[in-house]
Amino acid sequence: MTESTRLTALIEGHVQGVGFRWSVSARAAGIGPLTGYARNLPDGRVEVLAEGSRADCARLLDWLRTGDTPGRVDTVTEHWGPATGDHPDFRIR
């Protein structure tokens, strides 16, 4: 079995009010068994937390950086850590 990891990505740009979180959720479901969430932050960024295999999380991160997202992504800051298993599915918050 593949060990799970946790990706936390902070996305800056025009990413609120454009369907960005919905699109992240749909992409996470299409990539594989990822759990976590996408949520708006008060400062205009979106936080994406994903847990699953390192390869699946990396695929989501690559997609976040491609520009093939709603709105406009200027910067994606990533942080990797151990999975906690706190999230049973992937949700929009």
PDB file of N, CA and C in Angstrom:
ATOM      1  N   MET A   1       0.838  -1.184   0.000  1.00  0.00           N
ATOM      2  CA  MET A   1       0.000   0.000   0.000  1.00  0.00           C
ATOM      3  C   MET A   1       0.881   1.244   0.000  1.00  0.00           C
ATOM      4  N   THR A   2       0.463   2.266  -0.721  1.00  0.00           N
ATOM      5  CA  THR A   2       1.206   3.512  -0.818  1.00  0.00           C
ATOM      6  C   THR A   2       0.954   4.359   0.419  1.00  0.00           C
ATOM      7  N   GLU A   3       2.017   4.901   0.960  1.00  0.00           N
ATOM      8  CA  GLU A   3       1.888   5.749   2.138  1.00  0.00           C
ATOM      9  C   GLU A   3       1.244   7.087   1.749  1.00  0.00           C
ATOM     10  N   SER A   4       0.335   7.558   2.581  1.00  0.00           N
ATOM     11  CA  SER A   4      -0.335   8.832   2.328  1.00  0.00           C
ATOM     12  C   SER A   4       0.519   9.990   2.803  1.00  0.00           C
ATOM     13  N   THR A   5       0.326  11.106   2.140  1.00  0.00           N
ATOM     14  CA  THR A   5       1.008  12.341   2.495  1.00  0.00           C
ATOM     15  C   THR A   5      -0.007  13.474   2.494  1.00  0.00           C
ATOM     16  N   ARG A   6       0.401  14.613   3.021  1.00  0.00           N
ATOM     17  CA  ARG A   6      -0.475  15.781   3.059  1.00  0.00           C
ATOM     18  C   ARG A   6       0.183  16.916   2.292  1.00  0.00           C
ATOM     19  N   LEU A   7      -0.582  17.491   1.379  1.00  0.00           N
ATOM     20  CA  LEU A   7      -0.179  18.682   0.653  1.00  0.00           C
ATOM     21  C   LEU A   7      -1.053  19.836   1.111  1.00  0.00           C
ATOM     22  N   THR A   8      -0.429  20.927   1.493  1.00  0.00           N
ATOM     23  CA  THR A   8      -1.150  22.171   1.734  1.00  0.00           C
ATOM     24  C   THR A   8      -0.629  23.173   0.719  1.00  0.00           C
ATOM     25  N   ALA A   9      -1.529  23.732  -0.083  1.00  0.00           N
ATOM     26  CA  ALA A   9      -1.157  24.708  -1.104  1.00  0.00           C
ATOM     27  C   ALA A   9      -1.945  25.993  -0.873  1.00  0.00           C
ATOM     28  N   LEU A  10      -1.233  27.100  -0.905  1.00  0.00           N
ATOM     29  CA  LEU A  10      -1.858  28.416  -0.814  1.00  0.00           C
ATOM     30  C   LEU A  10      -1.770  29.063  -2.186  1.00  0.00           C
ATOM     31  N   ILE A  11      -2.931  29.418  -2.730  1.00  0.00           N
ATOM     32  CA  ILE A  11      -2.997  29.929  -4.086  1.00  0.00           C
ATOM     33  C   ILE A  11      -3.354  31.403  -4.041  1.00  0.00           C
ATOM     34  N   GLU A  12      -2.512  32.210  -4.670  1.00  0.00           N
ATOM     35  CA  GLU A  12      -2.742  33.650  -4.757  1.00  0.00           C
ATOM     36  C   GLU A  12      -3.099  34.016  -6.187  1.00  0.00           C
ATOM     37  N   GLY A  13      -3.899  35.044  -6.334  1.00  0.00           N
ATOM     38  CA  GLY A  13      -4.325  35.538  -7.636  1.00  0.00           C
ATOM     39  C   GLY A  13      -5.796  35.897  -7.561  1.00  0.00           C
ATOM     40  N   HIS A  14      -6.460  35.856  -8.690  1.00  0.00           N
ATOM     41  CA  HIS A  14      -7.911  36.082  -8.728  1.00  0.00           C
ATOM     42  C   HIS A  14      -8.569  34.709  -8.691  1.00  0.00           C
ATOM     43  N   VAL A  15      -8.741  34.193  -7.457  1.00  0.00           N
ATOM     44  CA  VAL A  15      -9.190  32.811  -7.278  1.00  0.00           C
ATOM     45  C   VAL A  15     -10.451  32.692  -6.412  1.00  0.00           C
ATOM     46  N   GLN A  16     -11.036  33.803  -6.059  1.00  0.00           N
ATOM     47  CA  GLN A  16     -12.287  33.750  -5.301  1.00  0.00           C
ATOM     48  C   GLN A  16     -13.414  34.321  -6.152  1.00  0.00           C
ATOM     49  N   GLY A  17     -14.575  33.672  -6.075  1.00  0.00           N
ATOM     50  CA  GLY A  17     -15.744  34.127  -6.820  1.00  0.00           C
ATOM     51  C   GLY A  17     -15.721  33.744  -8.290  1.00  0.00           C
ATOM     52  N   VAL A  18     -14.900  32.759  -8.662  1.00  0.00           N
ATOM     53  CA  VAL A  18     -14.780  32.362 -10.071  1.00  0.00           C
ATOM     54  C   VAL A  18     -14.978  30.855 -10.277  1.00  0.00           C
ATOM     55  N   GLY A  19     -15.414  30.139  -9.245  1.00  0.00           N
ATOM     56  CA  GLY A  19     -15.605  28.693  -9.341  1.00  0.00           C
ATOM     57  C   GLY A  19     -14.326  27.899  -9.111  1.00  0.00           C
ATOM     58  N   PHE A  20     -13.318  28.544  -8.552  1.00  0.00           N
ATOM     59  CA  PHE A  20     -12.022  27.897  -8.353  1.00  0.00           C
ATOM     60  C   PHE A  20     -12.113  26.702  -7.410  1.00  0.00           C
ATOM     61  N   ARG A  21     -12.762  26.873  -6.245  1.00  0.00           N
ATOM     62  CA  ARG A  21     -12.852  25.774  -5.275  1.00  0.00           C
ATOM     63  C   ARG A  21     -13.629  24.596  -5.841  1.00  0.00           C
ATOM     64  N   TRP A  22     -14.702  24.861  -6.566  1.00  0.00           N
ATOM     65  CA  TRP A  22     -15.476  23.793  -7.180  1.00  0.00           C
ATOM     66  C   TRP A  22     -14.608  23.027  -8.168  1.00  0.00           C
ATOM     67  N   SER A  23     -13.832  23.761  -8.950  1.00  0.00           N
ATOM     68  CA  SER A  23     -12.965  23.147  -9.939  1.00  0.00           C
ATOM     69  C   SER A  23     -11.880  22.289  -9.276  1.00  0.00           C
ATOM     70  N   VAL A  24     -11.329  22.757  -8.166  1.00  0.00           N
ATOM     71  CA  VAL A  24     -10.335  21.978  -7.419  1.00  0.00           C
ATOM     72  C   VAL A  24     -10.961  20.687  -6.911  1.00  0.00           C
ATOM     73  N   SER A  25     -12.164  20.780  -6.377  1.00  0.00           N
ATOM     74  CA  SER A  25     -12.847  19.592  -5.865  1.00  0.00           C
ATOM     75  C   SER A  25     -13.090  18.572  -6.980  1.00  0.00           C
ATOM     76  N   ALA A  26     -13.535  19.038  -8.137  1.00  0.00           N
ATOM     77  CA  ALA A  26     -13.774  18.145  -9.265  1.00  0.00           C
ATOM     78  C   ALA A  26     -12.472  17.508  -9.736  1.00  0.00           C
ATOM     79  N   ARG A  27     -11.400  18.272  -9.778  1.00  0.00           N
ATOM     80  CA  ARG A  27     -10.110  17.724 -10.206  1.00  0.00           C
ATOM     81  C   ARG A  27      -9.611  16.692  -9.206  1.00  0.00           C
ATOM     82  N   ALA A  28      -9.753  16.988  -7.902  1.00  0.00           N
ATOM     83  CA  ALA A  28      -9.322  16.036  -6.869  1.00  0.00           C
ATOM     84  C   ALA A  28     -10.066  14.716  -7.019  1.00  0.00           C
ATOM     85  N   ALA A  29     -11.361  14.783  -7.305  1.00  0.00           N
ATOM     86  CA  ALA A  29     -12.151  13.560  -7.490  1.00  0.00           C
ATOM     87  C   ALA A  29     -11.699  12.799  -8.724  1.00  0.00           C
ATOM     88  N   GLY A  30     -11.290  13.500  -9.758  1.00  0.00           N
ATOM     89  CA  GLY A  30     -10.857  12.850 -10.985  1.00  0.00           C
ATOM     90  C   GLY A  30      -9.458  12.253 -10.907  1.00  0.00           C
ATOM     91  N   ILE A  31      -8.641  12.772 -10.020  1.00  0.00           N
ATOM     92  CA  ILE A  31      -7.264  12.287  -9.893  1.00  0.00           C
ATOM     93  C   ILE A  31      -7.225  10.955  -9.176  1.00  0.00           C
ATOM     94  N   GLY A  32      -7.959  10.835  -8.105  1.00  0.00           N
ATOM     95  CA  GLY A  32      -7.902   9.596  -7.342  1.00  0.00           C
ATOM     96  C   GLY A  32      -8.502   9.778  -5.971  1.00  0.00           C
ATOM     97  N   PRO A  33      -8.231   8.877  -5.111  1.00  0.00           N
ATOM     98  CA  PRO A  33      -8.817   8.971  -3.768  1.00  0.00           C
ATOM     99  C   PRO A  33      -8.098  10.025  -2.922  1.00  0.00           C
ATOM    100  N   LEU A  34      -8.382  11.307  -3.188  1.00  0.00           N
ATOM    101  CA  LEU A  34      -7.839  12.395  -2.375  1.00  0.00           C
ATOM    102  C   LEU A  34      -8.894  12.850  -1.386  1.00  0.00           C
ATOM    103  N   THR A  35      -8.467  13.186  -0.196  1.00  0.00           N
ATOM    104  CA  THR A  35      -9.356  13.759   0.812  1.00  0.00           C
ATOM    105  C   THR A  35      -8.811  15.133   1.186  1.00  0.00           C
ATOM    106  N   GLY A  36      -9.657  15.951   1.792  1.00  0.00           N
ATOM    107  CA  GLY A  36      -9.222  17.275   2.230  1.00  0.00           C
ATOM    108  C   GLY A  36     -10.269  18.321   1.914  1.00  0.00           C
ATOM    109  N   TYR A  37      -9.802  19.505   1.505  1.00  0.00           N
ATOM    110  CA  TYR A  37     -10.731  20.602   1.240  1.00  0.00           C
ATOM    111  C   TYR A  37     -10.074  21.708   0.429  1.00  0.00           C
ATOM    112  N   ALA A  38     -10.919  22.583  -0.092  1.00  0.00           N
ATOM    113  CA  ALA A  38     -10.509  23.851  -0.691  1.00  0.00           C
ATOM    114  C   ALA A  38     -11.352  24.913  -0.015  1.00  0.00           C
ATOM    115  N   ARG A  39     -10.703  25.958   0.484  1.00  0.00           N
ATOM    116  CA  ARG A  39     -11.461  27.001   1.172  1.00  0.00           C
ATOM    117  C   ARG A  39     -10.888  28.376   0.879  1.00  0.00           C
ATOM    118  N   ASN A  40     -11.779  29.369   0.875  1.00  0.00           N
ATOM    119  CA  ASN A  40     -11.372  30.754   0.733  1.00  0.00           C
ATOM    120  C   ASN A  40     -10.775  31.245   2.039  1.00  0.00           C
ATOM    121  N   LEU A  41      -9.731  32.047   1.940  1.00  0.00           N
ATOM    122  CA  LEU A  41      -9.141  32.704   3.101  1.00  0.00           C
ATOM    123  C   LEU A  41      -9.518  34.182   3.076  1.00  0.00           C
ATOM    124  N   PRO A  42      -9.576  34.823   4.239  1.00  0.00           N
ATOM    125  CA  PRO A  42     -10.002  36.225   4.294  1.00  0.00           C
ATOM    126  C   PRO A  42      -9.119  37.174   3.476  1.00  0.00           C
ATOM    127  N   ASP A  43      -7.878  36.799   3.232  1.00  0.00           N
ATOM    128  CA  ASP A  43      -6.962  37.696   2.503  1.00  0.00           C
ATOM    129  C   ASP A  43      -7.049  37.534   0.982  1.00  0.00           C
ATOM    130  N   GLY A  44      -8.004  36.748   0.482  1.00  0.00           N
ATOM    131  CA  GLY A  44      -8.195  36.591  -0.950  1.00  0.00           C
ATOM    132  C   GLY A  44      -7.545  35.348  -1.544  1.00  0.00           C
ATOM    133  N   ARG A  45      -6.753  34.652  -0.772  1.00  0.00           N
ATOM    134  CA  ARG A  45      -6.138  33.410  -1.254  1.00  0.00           C
ATOM    135  C   ARG A  45      -7.107  32.246  -1.077  1.00  0.00           C
ATOM    136  N   VAL A  46      -6.787  31.126  -1.717  1.00  0.00           N
ATOM    137  CA  VAL A  46      -7.496  29.870  -1.498  1.00  0.00           C
ATOM    138  C   VAL A  46      -6.495  28.888  -0.922  1.00  0.00           C
ATOM    139  N   GLU A  47      -6.926  28.166   0.113  1.00  0.00           N
ATOM    140  CA  GLU A  47      -6.119  27.108   0.700  1.00  0.00           C
ATOM    141  C   GLU A  47      -6.658  25.777   0.226  1.00  0.00           C
ATOM    142  N   VAL A  48      -5.763  24.942  -0.285  1.00  0.00           N
ATOM    143  CA  VAL A  48      -6.121  23.586  -0.695  1.00  0.00           C
ATOM    144  C   VAL A  48      -5.323  22.629   0.170  1.00  0.00           C
ATOM    145  N   LEU A  49      -6.018  21.752   0.857  1.00  0.00           N
ATOM    146  CA  LEU A  49      -5.383  20.709   1.649  1.00  0.00           C
ATOM    147  C   LEU A  49      -5.805  19.386   1.037  1.00  0.00           C
ATOM    148  N   ALA A  50      -4.827  18.579   0.661  1.00  0.00           N
ATOM    149  CA  ALA A  50      -5.135  17.287   0.039  1.00  0.00           C
ATOM    150  C   ALA A  50      -4.289  16.204   0.671  1.00  0.00           C
ATOM    151  N   GLU A  51      -4.920  15.077   0.947  1.00  0.00           N
ATOM    152  CA  GLU A  51      -4.204  13.904   1.449  1.00  0.00           C
ATOM    153  C   GLU A  51      -4.477  12.732   0.516  1.00  0.00           C
ATOM    154  N   GLY A  52      -3.430  11.958   0.283  1.00  0.00           N
ATOM    155  CA  GLY A  52      -3.500  10.794  -0.577  1.00  0.00           C
ATOM    156  C   GLY A  52      -2.085  10.373  -0.905  1.00  0.00           C
ATOM    157  N   SER A  53      -1.923   9.638  -1.984  1.00  0.00           N
ATOM    158  CA  SER A  53      -0.570   9.248  -2.370  1.00  0.00           C
ATOM    159  C   SER A  53       0.212  10.489  -2.798  1.00  0.00           C
ATOM    160  N   ARG A  54       1.526  10.419  -2.652  1.00  0.00           N
ATOM    161  CA  ARG A  54       2.380  11.542  -3.060  1.00  0.00           C
ATOM    162  C   ARG A  54       2.168  11.844  -4.546  1.00  0.00           C
ATOM    163  N   ALA A  55       2.048  10.810  -5.353  1.00  0.00           N
ATOM    164  CA  ALA A  55       1.864  10.998  -6.793  1.00  0.00           C
ATOM    165  C   ALA A  55       0.553  11.717  -7.100  1.00  0.00           C
ATOM    166  N   ASP A  56      -0.535  11.328  -6.445  1.00  0.00           N
ATOM    167  CA  ASP A  56      -1.825  11.976  -6.686  1.00  0.00           C
ATOM    168  C   ASP A  56      -1.817  13.424  -6.204  1.00  0.00           C
ATOM    169  N   CYS A  57      -1.229  13.679  -5.043  1.00  0.00           N
ATOM    170  CA  CYS A  57      -1.130  15.054  -4.543  1.00  0.00           C
ATOM    171  C   CYS A  57      -0.286  15.905  -5.485  1.00  0.00           C
ATOM    172  N   ALA A  58       0.789  15.333  -6.006  1.00  0.00           N
ATOM    173  CA  ALA A  58       1.660  16.055  -6.940  1.00  0.00           C
ATOM    174  C   ALA A  58       0.920  16.361  -8.241  1.00  0.00           C
ATOM    175  N   ARG A  59       0.064  15.450  -8.688  1.00  0.00           N
ATOM    176  CA  ARG A  59      -0.746  15.708  -9.891  1.00  0.00           C
ATOM    177  C   ARG A  59      -1.688  16.887  -9.666  1.00  0.00           C
ATOM    178  N   LEU A  60      -2.288  16.963  -8.478  1.00  0.00           N
ATOM    179  CA  LEU A  60      -3.155  18.092  -8.165  1.00  0.00           C
ATOM    180  C   LEU A  60      -2.344  19.384  -8.129  1.00  0.00           C
ATOM    181  N   LEU A  61      -1.196  19.352  -7.505  1.00  0.00           N
ATOM    182  CA  LEU A  61      -0.333  20.535  -7.431  1.00  0.00           C
ATOM    183  C   LEU A  61       0.085  20.991  -8.826  1.00  0.00           C
ATOM    184  N   ASP A  62       0.466  20.066  -9.678  1.00  0.00           N
ATOM    185  CA  ASP A  62       0.840  20.421 -11.051  1.00  0.00           C
ATOM    186  C   ASP A  62      -0.319  21.109 -11.761  1.00  0.00           C
ATOM    187  N   TRP A  63      -1.525  20.584 -11.585  1.00  0.00           N
ATOM    188  CA  TRP A  63      -2.704  21.185 -12.209  1.00  0.00           C
ATOM    189  C   TRP A  63      -2.932  22.594 -11.672  1.00  0.00           C
ATOM    190  N   LEU A  64      -2.762  22.801 -10.367  1.00  0.00           N
ATOM    191  CA  LEU A  64      -2.933  24.133  -9.795  1.00  0.00           C
ATOM    192  C   LEU A  64      -1.971  25.136 -10.426  1.00  0.00           C
ATOM    193  N   ARG A  65      -0.809  24.665 -10.817  1.00  0.00           N
ATOM    194  CA  ARG A  65       0.227  25.551 -11.382  1.00  0.00           C
ATOM    195  C   ARG A  65       0.140  25.725 -12.891  1.00  0.00           C
ATOM    196  N   THR A  66      -0.692  24.973 -13.578  1.00  0.00           N
ATOM    197  CA  THR A  66      -0.720  25.031 -15.046  1.00  0.00           C
ATOM    198  C   THR A  66      -1.391  26.273 -15.583  1.00  0.00           C
ATOM    199  N   GLY A  67      -2.262  26.883 -14.792  1.00  0.00           N
ATOM    200  CA  GLY A  67      -3.041  27.992 -15.316  1.00  0.00           C
ATOM    201  C   GLY A  67      -4.343  27.520 -15.932  1.00  0.00           C
ATOM    202  N   ASP A  68      -4.598  26.212 -15.964  1.00  0.00           N
ATOM    203  CA  ASP A  68      -5.820  25.642 -16.520  1.00  0.00           C
ATOM    204  C   ASP A  68      -6.899  25.579 -15.435  1.00  0.00           C
ATOM    205  N   THR A  69      -7.070  26.695 -14.744  1.00  0.00           N
ATOM    206  CA  THR A  69      -8.027  26.794 -13.640  1.00  0.00           C
ATOM    207  C   THR A  69      -8.905  28.017 -13.871  1.00  0.00           C
ATOM    208  N   PRO A  70     -10.062  28.067 -13.241  1.00  0.00           N
ATOM    209  CA  PRO A  70     -10.859  29.296 -13.321  1.00  0.00           C
ATOM    210  C   PRO A  70     -10.100  30.449 -12.651  1.00  0.00           C
ATOM    211  N   GLY A  71     -10.341  31.636 -13.120  1.00  0.00           N
ATOM    212  CA  GLY A  71      -9.687  32.802 -12.533  1.00  0.00           C
ATOM    213  C   GLY A  71      -8.251  32.930 -13.029  1.00  0.00           C
ATOM    214  N   ARG A  72      -7.397  33.442 -12.146  1.00  0.00           N
ATOM    215  CA  ARG A  72      -5.990  33.637 -12.492  1.00  0.00           C
ATOM    216  C   ARG A  72      -5.119  33.255 -11.304  1.00  0.00           C
ATOM    217  N   VAL A  73      -4.239  32.311 -11.490  1.00  0.00           N
ATOM    218  CA  VAL A  73      -3.312  31.888 -10.451  1.00  0.00           C
ATOM    219  C   VAL A  73      -1.997  32.629 -10.667  1.00  0.00           C
ATOM    220  N   ASP A  74      -1.576  33.388  -9.644  1.00  0.00           N
ATOM    221  CA  ASP A  74      -0.291  34.091  -9.711  1.00  0.00           C
ATOM    222  C   ASP A  74       0.812  33.303  -9.023  1.00  0.00           C
ATOM    223  N   THR A  75       0.507  32.758  -7.852  1.00  0.00           N
ATOM    224  CA  THR A  75       1.503  32.067  -7.044  1.00  0.00           C
ATOM    225  C   THR A  75       0.868  30.875  -6.344  1.00  0.00           C
ATOM    226  N   VAL A  76       1.609  29.772  -6.292  1.00  0.00           N
ATOM    227  CA  VAL A  76       1.196  28.603  -5.512  1.00  0.00           C
ATOM    228  C   VAL A  76       2.353  28.271  -4.579  1.00  0.00           C
ATOM    229  N   THR A  77       2.078  28.341  -3.283  1.00  0.00           N
ATOM    230  CA  THR A  77       3.068  27.978  -2.270  1.00  0.00           C
ATOM    231  C   THR A  77       2.666  26.629  -1.702  1.00  0.00           C
ATOM    232  N   GLU A  78       3.605  25.702  -1.663  1.00  0.00           N
ATOM    233  CA  GLU A  78       3.282  24.343  -1.222  1.00  0.00           C
ATOM    234  C   GLU A  78       4.002  23.995   0.071  1.00  0.00           C
ATOM    235  N   HIS A  79       3.367  23.140   0.835  1.00  0.00           N
ATOM    236  CA  HIS A  79       3.974  22.573   2.043  1.00  0.00           C
ATOM    237  C   HIS A  79       3.571  21.100   2.095  1.00  0.00           C
ATOM    238  N   TRP A  80       4.547  20.224   2.326  1.00  0.00           N
ATOM    239  CA  TRP A  80       4.303  18.788   2.415  1.00  0.00           C
ATOM    240  C   TRP A  80       4.491  18.322   3.848  1.00  0.00           C
ATOM    241  N   GLY A  81       3.685  17.359   4.259  1.00  0.00           N
ATOM    242  CA  GLY A  81       3.806  16.791   5.596  1.00  0.00           C
ATOM    243  C   GLY A  81       3.135  15.431   5.639  1.00  0.00           C
ATOM    244  N   PRO A  82       3.140  14.831   6.813  1.00  0.00           N
ATOM    245  CA  PRO A  82       2.488  13.524   6.950  1.00  0.00           C
ATOM    246  C   PRO A  82       0.960  13.670   6.958  1.00  0.00           C
ATOM    247  N   ALA A  83       0.299  12.696   6.395  1.00  0.00           N
ATOM    248  CA  ALA A  83      -1.170  12.678   6.406  1.00  0.00           C
ATOM    249  C   ALA A  83      -1.665  12.452   7.824  1.00  0.00           C
ATOM    250  N   THR A  84      -2.811  13.040   8.130  1.00  0.00           N
ATOM    251  CA  THR A  84      -3.414  12.865   9.452  1.00  0.00           C
ATOM    252  C   THR A  84      -4.687  12.020   9.398  1.00  0.00           C
ATOM    253  N   GLY A  85      -5.287  11.928   8.219  1.00  0.00           N
ATOM    254  CA  GLY A  85      -6.531  11.168   8.088  1.00  0.00           C
ATOM    255  C   GLY A  85      -7.728  11.869   8.699  1.00  0.00           C
ATOM    256  N   ASP A  86      -7.635  13.188   8.873  1.00  0.00           N
ATOM    257  CA  ASP A  86      -8.711  13.957   9.500  1.00  0.00           C
ATOM    258  C   ASP A  86      -9.932  14.169   8.607  1.00  0.00           C
ATOM    259  N   HIS A  87      -9.799  13.938   7.311  1.00  0.00           N
ATOM    260  CA  HIS A  87     -10.871  14.267   6.371  1.00  0.00           C
ATOM    261  C   HIS A  87     -11.338  13.002   5.655  1.00  0.00           C
ATOM    262  N   PRO A  88     -12.622  12.690   5.759  1.00  0.00           N
ATOM    263  CA  PRO A  88     -13.129  11.452   5.133  1.00  0.00           C
ATOM    264  C   PRO A  88     -13.315  11.564   3.619  1.00  0.00           C
ATOM    265  N   ASP A  89     -13.385  12.789   3.085  1.00  0.00           N
ATOM    266  CA  ASP A  89     -13.593  13.013   1.664  1.00  0.00           C
ATOM    267  C   ASP A  89     -13.002  14.374   1.297  1.00  0.00           C
ATOM    268  N   PHE A  90     -13.236  14.832   0.077  1.00  0.00           N
ATOM    269  CA  PHE A  90     -12.760  16.151  -0.340  1.00  0.00           C
ATOM    270  C   PHE A  90     -13.959  17.077  -0.395  1.00  0.00           C
ATOM    271  N   ARG A  91     -13.861  18.223   0.274  1.00  0.00           N
ATOM    272  CA  ARG A  91     -14.996  19.134   0.383  1.00  0.00           C
ATOM    273  C   ARG A  91     -14.623  20.558   0.015  1.00  0.00           C
ATOM    274  N   ILE A  92     -15.642  21.304  -0.317  1.00  0.00           N
ATOM    275  CA  ILE A  92     -15.506  22.748  -0.505  1.00  0.00           C
ATOM    276  C   ILE A  92     -15.962  23.392   0.782  1.00  0.00           C
ATOM    277  N   ARG A  93     -15.125  24.233   1.316  1.00  0.00           N
ATOM    278  CA  ARG A  93     -15.486  24.917   2.574  1.00  0.00           C
ATOM    279  C   ARG A  93     -15.758  26.370   2.300  1.00  0.00           C
TER     280      ARG A  93
END
